[in-house]
Amino acid sequence: FACTPMATEKKVLVPLANGSEELEAISIIDTLRRAGAQVTVASVEDTLEVTCSRQVKIVADKRIAECTTTTWDLIACPGGMPGAEHLRDSNELKELLTNQKNNQRLYAAVCASPAVVLNTHGLLEDKEATCYPADKFTSTLPNKARLEERVVVDGNCITSRGPGTSVEFALRLVVALYGKEKADEIAQALLVAAY
């Protein structure tokens, strides 16, 4: 007997690389799975196993090349250095993210990735965004009006600042996919007072 996905199940891609920030990655993956999303963790490396910025090893579900023919409801990039640079350098991920923007589907990034991944590929040109508060990242963003905000939602683009904002960021992704009521339910279970 085959397991049929629920009608509300959303497909989410979380790309990972060597040097990705593990707290951000796990916050995104865990929170979205709690919401009921079908989360696929994809390695942009030659192997499924990636070693994150603090030496935590994560085994991805697939390699990014196996994810290019799926229509994603959301692609969410964790930050971390040099992980964000490896995500930036993935041609498959660049095409997937560009497709998300062009088709008005959700795309998101936290920490260094709004500047290093999204902005490098022109995906923030008409968007307000935030990122990790270091000049080497903030100085590159085209619109600096909301840099101090913990999470910025601008249409189909959602960005956040770093490890300390990653659960809040993930809950805002839940709002975008499933609505505030579902996000409130998860926030309560996680003991998150506000997001």
C-alpha atoms as a PDB file:
ATOM      1  CA  PHE A   1       0.000   0.000   0.000  1.00  0.00           C
ATOM      2  CA  ALA A   2       1.438   3.336  -1.079  1.00  0.00           C
ATOM      3  CA  CYS A   3       1.599   6.365   1.136  1.00  0.00           C
ATOM      4  CA  THR A   4      -0.219   9.258  -0.517  1.00  0.00           C
ATOM      5  CA  PRO A   5       0.953  12.759   0.496  1.00  0.00           C
ATOM      6  CA  MET A   6      -1.622  14.987   2.160  1.00  0.00           C
ATOM      7  CA  ALA A   7      -3.124  17.623  -0.117  1.00  0.00           C
ATOM      8  CA  THR A   8      -1.546  20.334   2.049  1.00  0.00           C
ATOM      9  CA  GLU A   9       1.943  18.804   1.993  1.00  0.00           C
ATOM     10  CA  LYS A  10       4.360  21.271   0.462  1.00  0.00           C
ATOM     11  CA  LYS A  11       7.645  20.400  -1.226  1.00  0.00           C
ATOM     12  CA  VAL A  12      10.617  22.199   0.284  1.00  0.00           C
ATOM     13  CA  LEU A  13      14.248  22.047  -0.816  1.00  0.00           C
ATOM     14  CA  VAL A  14      17.020  22.805   1.679  1.00  0.00           C
ATOM     15  CA  PRO A  15      20.404  22.815  -0.073  1.00  0.00           C
ATOM     16  CA  LEU A  16      23.499  22.120   2.021  1.00  0.00           C
ATOM     17  CA  ALA A  17      27.225  22.408   1.433  1.00  0.00           C
ATOM     18  CA  ASN A  18      30.418  21.847   3.339  1.00  0.00           C
ATOM     19  CA  GLY A  19      30.583  24.841   5.681  1.00  0.00           C
ATOM     20  CA  SER A  20      26.820  25.439   5.922  1.00  0.00           C
ATOM     21  CA  GLU A  21      25.612  26.698   9.308  1.00  0.00           C
ATOM     22  CA  GLU A  22      24.123  23.652  11.028  1.00  0.00           C
ATOM     23  CA  LEU A  23      21.914  25.482  13.527  1.00  0.00           C
ATOM     24  CA  GLU A  24      20.213  27.339  10.672  1.00  0.00           C
ATOM     25  CA  ALA A  25      19.927  24.218   8.518  1.00  0.00           C
ATOM     26  CA  ILE A  26      18.413  22.058  11.248  1.00  0.00           C
ATOM     27  CA  SER A  27      16.056  24.834  12.383  1.00  0.00           C
ATOM     28  CA  ILE A  28      14.661  25.092   8.852  1.00  0.00           C
ATOM     29  CA  ILE A  29      14.448  21.327   8.273  1.00  0.00           C
ATOM     30  CA  ASP A  30      12.951  20.463  11.661  1.00  0.00           C
ATOM     31  CA  THR A  31      10.415  23.301  11.828  1.00  0.00           C
ATOM     32  CA  LEU A  32       9.124  22.704   8.300  1.00  0.00           C
ATOM     33  CA  ARG A  33       8.843  18.959   8.860  1.00  0.00           C
ATOM     34  CA  ARG A  34       6.842  19.652  12.031  1.00  0.00           C
ATOM     35  CA  ALA A  35       4.501  21.727   9.849  1.00  0.00           C
ATOM     36  CA  GLY A  36       3.998  18.755   7.522  1.00  0.00           C
ATOM     37  CA  ALA A  37       6.241  19.813   4.656  1.00  0.00           C
ATOM     38  CA  GLN A  38       8.033  17.218   2.555  1.00  0.00           C
ATOM     39  CA  VAL A  39      11.560  18.546   3.093  1.00  0.00           C
ATOM     40  CA  THR A  40      14.344  17.326   0.818  1.00  0.00           C
ATOM     41  CA  VAL A  41      17.873  18.048   1.996  1.00  0.00           C
ATOM     42  CA  ALA A  42      20.163  18.275  -1.032  1.00  0.00           C
ATOM     43  CA  SER A  43      23.947  18.318  -1.081  1.00  0.00           C
ATOM     44  CA  VAL A  44      25.676  20.579  -3.599  1.00  0.00           C
ATOM     45  CA  GLU A  45      28.857  18.598  -2.939  1.00  0.00           C
ATOM     46  CA  ASP A  46      30.067  15.409  -4.664  1.00  0.00           C
ATOM     47  CA  THR A  47      28.860  13.345  -1.694  1.00  0.00           C
ATOM     48  CA  LEU A  48      25.637  13.161   0.306  1.00  0.00           C
ATOM     49  CA  GLU A  49      27.486  13.796   3.565  1.00  0.00           C
ATOM     50  CA  VAL A  50      28.364  17.408   4.265  1.00  0.00           C
ATOM     51  CA  THR A  51      30.480  18.750   7.098  1.00  0.00           C
ATOM     52  CA  CYS A  52      28.933  21.919   8.453  1.00  0.00           C
ATOM     53  CA  SER A  53      30.694  25.002   9.819  1.00  0.00           C
ATOM     54  CA  ARG A  54      31.075  23.580  13.356  1.00  0.00           C
ATOM     55  CA  GLN A  55      32.063  20.103  12.139  1.00  0.00           C
ATOM     56  CA  VAL A  56      28.569  18.593  12.484  1.00  0.00           C
ATOM     57  CA  LYS A  57      28.049  16.031   9.736  1.00  0.00           C
ATOM     58  CA  ILE A  58      24.685  15.853   7.979  1.00  0.00           C
ATOM     59  CA  VAL A  59      23.712  13.236   5.409  1.00  0.00           C
ATOM     60  CA  ALA A  60      21.553  14.763   2.681  1.00  0.00           C
ATOM     61  CA  ASP A  61      18.612  12.960   1.093  1.00  0.00           C
ATOM     62  CA  LYS A  62      19.820  13.637  -2.459  1.00  0.00           C
ATOM     63  CA  ARG A  63      22.407  15.451  -4.518  1.00  0.00           C
ATOM     64  CA  ILE A  64      21.243  18.765  -5.979  1.00  0.00           C
ATOM     65  CA  ALA A  65      21.386  17.386  -9.543  1.00  0.00           C
ATOM     66  CA  GLU A  66      18.579  14.976  -8.589  1.00  0.00           C
ATOM     67  CA  CYS A  67      16.339  17.904  -7.599  1.00  0.00           C
ATOM     68  CA  THR A  68      16.261  19.959 -10.773  1.00  0.00           C
ATOM     69  CA  THR A  69      13.081  18.510 -12.292  1.00  0.00           C
ATOM     70  CA  THR A  70      10.892  18.942  -9.192  1.00  0.00           C
ATOM     71  CA  THR A  71       8.628  21.948  -8.728  1.00  0.00           C
ATOM     72  CA  TRP A  72       9.387  23.291  -5.251  1.00  0.00           C
ATOM     73  CA  ASP A  73       6.969  25.307  -3.138  1.00  0.00           C
ATOM     74  CA  LEU A  74       9.964  26.734  -1.273  1.00  0.00           C
ATOM     75  CA  ILE A  75      13.746  26.672  -1.499  1.00  0.00           C
ATOM     76  CA  ALA A  76      15.411  27.762   1.762  1.00  0.00           C
ATOM     77  CA  CYS A  77      19.177  28.294   1.977  1.00  0.00           C
ATOM     78  CA  PRO A  78      21.019  28.219   5.305  1.00  0.00           C
ATOM     79  CA  GLY A  79      24.043  30.463   5.684  1.00  0.00           C
ATOM     80  CA  GLY A  80      27.473  29.814   7.090  1.00  0.00           C
ATOM     81  CA  MET A  81      30.831  30.325   5.490  1.00  0.00           C
ATOM     82  CA  PRO A  82      32.205  28.922   3.281  1.00  0.00           C
ATOM     83  CA  GLY A  83      28.908  27.033   2.868  1.00  0.00           C
ATOM     84  CA  ALA A  84      27.142  30.033   1.325  1.00  0.00           C
ATOM     85  CA  GLU A  85      29.933  30.323  -1.253  1.00  0.00           C
ATOM     86  CA  HIS A  86      29.519  26.654  -2.179  1.00  0.00           C
ATOM     87  CA  LEU A  87      25.762  27.171  -2.553  1.00  0.00           C
ATOM     88  CA  ARG A  88      26.444  30.236  -4.707  1.00  0.00           C
ATOM     89  CA  ASP A  89      28.746  28.224  -6.962  1.00  0.00           C
ATOM     90  CA  SER A  90      26.177  25.487  -7.668  1.00  0.00           C
ATOM     91  CA  ASN A  91      24.794  26.033 -11.162  1.00  0.00           C
ATOM     92  CA  GLU A  92      21.879  23.702 -10.435  1.00  0.00           C
ATOM     93  CA  LEU A  93      20.912  25.697  -7.348  1.00  0.00           C
ATOM     94  CA  LYS A  94      21.263  28.984  -9.227  1.00  0.00           C
ATOM     95  CA  GLU A  95      18.824  27.732 -11.879  1.00  0.00           C
ATOM     96  CA  LEU A  96      16.395  26.427  -9.265  1.00  0.00           C
ATOM     97  CA  LEU A  97      16.398  29.719  -7.330  1.00  0.00           C
ATOM     98  CA  THR A  98      16.013  31.801 -10.490  1.00  0.00           C
ATOM     99  CA  ASN A  99      13.078  29.615 -11.489  1.00  0.00           C
ATOM    100  CA  GLN A 100      11.481  30.155  -8.058  1.00  0.00           C
ATOM    101  CA  LYS A 101      11.693  33.930  -8.418  1.00  0.00           C
ATOM    102  CA  ASN A 102      10.527  33.981 -12.030  1.00  0.00           C
ATOM    103  CA  ASN A 103       7.508  31.793 -11.246  1.00  0.00           C
ATOM    104  CA  GLN A 104       6.538  33.665  -8.047  1.00  0.00           C
ATOM    105  CA  ARG A 105       7.316  30.672  -5.827  1.00  0.00           C
ATOM    106  CA  LEU A 106       8.913  31.111  -2.428  1.00  0.00           C
ATOM    107  CA  TYR A 107      12.674  31.356  -1.959  1.00  0.00           C
ATOM    108  CA  ALA A 108      14.493  32.172   1.256  1.00  0.00           C
ATOM    109  CA  ALA A 109      17.938  32.577   2.768  1.00  0.00           C
ATOM    110  CA  VAL A 110      19.479  33.326   6.148  1.00  0.00           C
ATOM    111  CA  CYS A 111      22.796  34.684   7.456  1.00  0.00           C
ATOM    112  CA  ALA A 112      25.402  35.088   4.688  1.00  0.00           C
ATOM    113  CA  SER A 113      23.228  33.490   2.003  1.00  0.00           C
ATOM    114  CA  PRO A 114      20.979  36.489   1.198  1.00  0.00           C
ATOM    115  CA  ALA A 115      24.104  38.436   0.197  1.00  0.00           C
ATOM    116  CA  VAL A 116      26.358  35.638  -1.049  1.00  0.00           C
ATOM    117  CA  VAL A 117      23.785  33.436  -2.816  1.00  0.00           C
ATOM    118  CA  LEU A 118      20.654  35.444  -3.612  1.00  0.00           C
ATOM    119  CA  ASN A 119      22.196  38.838  -4.301  1.00  0.00           C
ATOM    120  CA  THR A 120      25.080  37.437  -6.357  1.00  0.00           C
ATOM    121  CA  HIS A 121      22.528  35.895  -8.732  1.00  0.00           C
ATOM    122  CA  GLY A 122      20.386  39.044  -8.983  1.00  0.00           C
ATOM    123  CA  LEU A 123      17.560  37.602  -6.899  1.00  0.00           C
ATOM    124  CA  LEU A 124      17.323  40.615  -4.554  1.00  0.00           C
ATOM    125  CA  GLU A 125      17.322  43.408  -7.171  1.00  0.00           C
ATOM    126  CA  ASP A 126      13.701  44.373  -6.515  1.00  0.00           C
ATOM    127  CA  LYS A 127      13.464  43.033  -2.956  1.00  0.00           C
ATOM    128  CA  GLU A 128      13.931  44.312   0.570  1.00  0.00           C
ATOM    129  CA  ALA A 129      16.117  41.911   2.544  1.00  0.00           C
ATOM    130  CA  THR A 130      18.309  41.406   5.565  1.00  0.00           C
ATOM    131  CA  CYS A 131      21.372  39.258   6.223  1.00  0.00           C
ATOM    132  CA  TYR A 132      24.129  38.634   8.748  1.00  0.00           C
ATOM    133  CA  PRO A 133      25.151  42.042  10.165  1.00  0.00           C
ATOM    134  CA  ALA A 134      28.709  42.167   8.820  1.00  0.00           C
ATOM    135  CA  ASP A 135      29.678  44.934   6.401  1.00  0.00           C
ATOM    136  CA  LYS A 136      31.053  42.465   3.837  1.00  0.00           C
ATOM    137  CA  PHE A 137      27.473  41.156   3.477  1.00  0.00           C
ATOM    138  CA  THR A 138      25.240  44.146   4.239  1.00  0.00           C
ATOM    139  CA  SER A 139      27.184  46.484   1.935  1.00  0.00           C
ATOM    140  CA  THR A 140      26.309  44.319  -1.073  1.00  0.00           C
ATOM    141  CA  LEU A 141      22.524  44.368  -0.653  1.00  0.00           C
ATOM    142  CA  PRO A 142      20.755  46.685  -3.106  1.00  0.00           C
ATOM    143  CA  ASN A 143      18.057  47.806  -0.641  1.00  0.00           C
ATOM    144  CA  LYS A 144      19.203  48.499   2.909  1.00  0.00           C
ATOM    145  CA  ALA A 145      15.907  49.820   4.344  1.00  0.00           C
ATOM    146  CA  ARG A 146      15.171  46.746   6.495  1.00  0.00           C
ATOM    147  CA  LEU A 147      18.668  45.458   7.359  1.00  0.00           C
ATOM    148  CA  GLU A 148      18.029  45.668  11.123  1.00  0.00           C
ATOM    149  CA  GLU A 149      14.916  43.461  11.013  1.00  0.00           C
ATOM    150  CA  ARG A 150      15.270  39.873  12.224  1.00  0.00           C
ATOM    151  CA  VAL A 151      13.189  38.460   9.364  1.00  0.00           C
ATOM    152  CA  VAL A 152      12.145  40.278   6.193  1.00  0.00           C
ATOM    153  CA  VAL A 153       9.291  39.043   4.030  1.00  0.00           C
ATOM    154  CA  ASP A 154       9.045  40.779   0.650  1.00  0.00           C
ATOM    155  CA  GLY A 155       6.595  39.000  -1.614  1.00  0.00           C
ATOM    156  CA  ASN A 156       7.969  35.556  -2.401  1.00  0.00           C
ATOM    157  CA  CYS A 157      11.397  36.268  -0.853  1.00  0.00           C
ATOM    158  CA  ILE A 158      12.107  35.736   2.853  1.00  0.00           C
ATOM    159  CA  THR A 159      15.455  36.560   4.475  1.00  0.00           C
ATOM    160  CA  SER A 160      16.885  36.553   7.996  1.00  0.00           C
ATOM    161  CA  ARG A 161      20.007  37.454   9.939  1.00  0.00           C
ATOM    162  CA  GLY A 162      21.672  34.404  11.468  1.00  0.00           C
ATOM    163  CA  PRO A 163      21.720  31.481  13.895  1.00  0.00           C
ATOM    164  CA  GLY A 164      19.859  33.369  16.623  1.00  0.00           C
ATOM    165  CA  THR A 165      16.996  34.222  14.277  1.00  0.00           C
ATOM    166  CA  SER A 166      16.777  30.850  12.546  1.00  0.00           C
ATOM    167  CA  VAL A 167      13.774  29.406  14.419  1.00  0.00           C
ATOM    168  CA  GLU A 168      11.899  32.687  13.948  1.00  0.00           C
ATOM    169  CA  PHE A 169      12.882  32.558  10.253  1.00  0.00           C
ATOM    170  CA  ALA A 170      11.667  28.964   9.950  1.00  0.00           C
ATOM    171  CA  LEU A 171       8.344  29.862  11.578  1.00  0.00           C
ATOM    172  CA  ARG A 172       7.884  32.676   9.063  1.00  0.00           C
ATOM    173  CA  LEU A 173       8.465  30.094   6.322  1.00  0.00           C
ATOM    174  CA  VAL A 174       5.657  28.047   7.899  1.00  0.00           C
ATOM    175  CA  VAL A 175       3.414  31.136   7.817  1.00  0.00           C
ATOM    176  CA  ALA A 176       4.166  31.582   4.107  1.00  0.00           C
ATOM    177  CA  LEU A 177       3.414  27.932   3.305  1.00  0.00           C
ATOM    178  CA  TYR A 178       0.631  27.015   5.747  1.00  0.00           C
ATOM    179  CA  GLY A 179      -0.625  30.180   7.450  1.00  0.00           C
ATOM    180  CA  LYS A 180      -0.211  31.805  10.845  1.00  0.00           C
ATOM    181  CA  GLU A 181      -2.422  29.353  12.733  1.00  0.00           C
ATOM    182  CA  LYS A 182      -0.130  26.436  11.852  1.00  0.00           C
ATOM    183  CA  ALA A 183       2.957  28.495  12.689  1.00  0.00           C
ATOM    184  CA  ASP A 184       1.428  29.483  16.061  1.00  0.00           C
ATOM    185  CA  GLU A 185       0.770  25.806  16.829  1.00  0.00           C
ATOM    186  CA  ILE A 186       4.392  24.898  16.117  1.00  0.00           C
ATOM    187  CA  ALA A 187       5.747  27.945  17.963  1.00  0.00           C
ATOM    188  CA  GLN A 188       3.765  26.916  21.050  1.00  0.00           C
ATOM    189  CA  ALA A 189       5.103  23.343  20.873  1.00  0.00           C
ATOM    190  CA  LEU A 190       8.664  24.686  20.516  1.00  0.00           C
ATOM    191  CA  LEU A 191       8.144  27.134  23.414  1.00  0.00           C
ATOM    192  CA  VAL A 192       8.816  30.110  21.150  1.00  0.00           C
ATOM    193  CA  ALA A 193       7.118  33.158  22.664  1.00  0.00           C
ATOM    194  CA  ALA A 194       7.177  35.448  19.655  1.00  0.00           C
ATOM    195  CA  TYR A 195       8.188  35.385  16.054  1.00  0.00           C
END
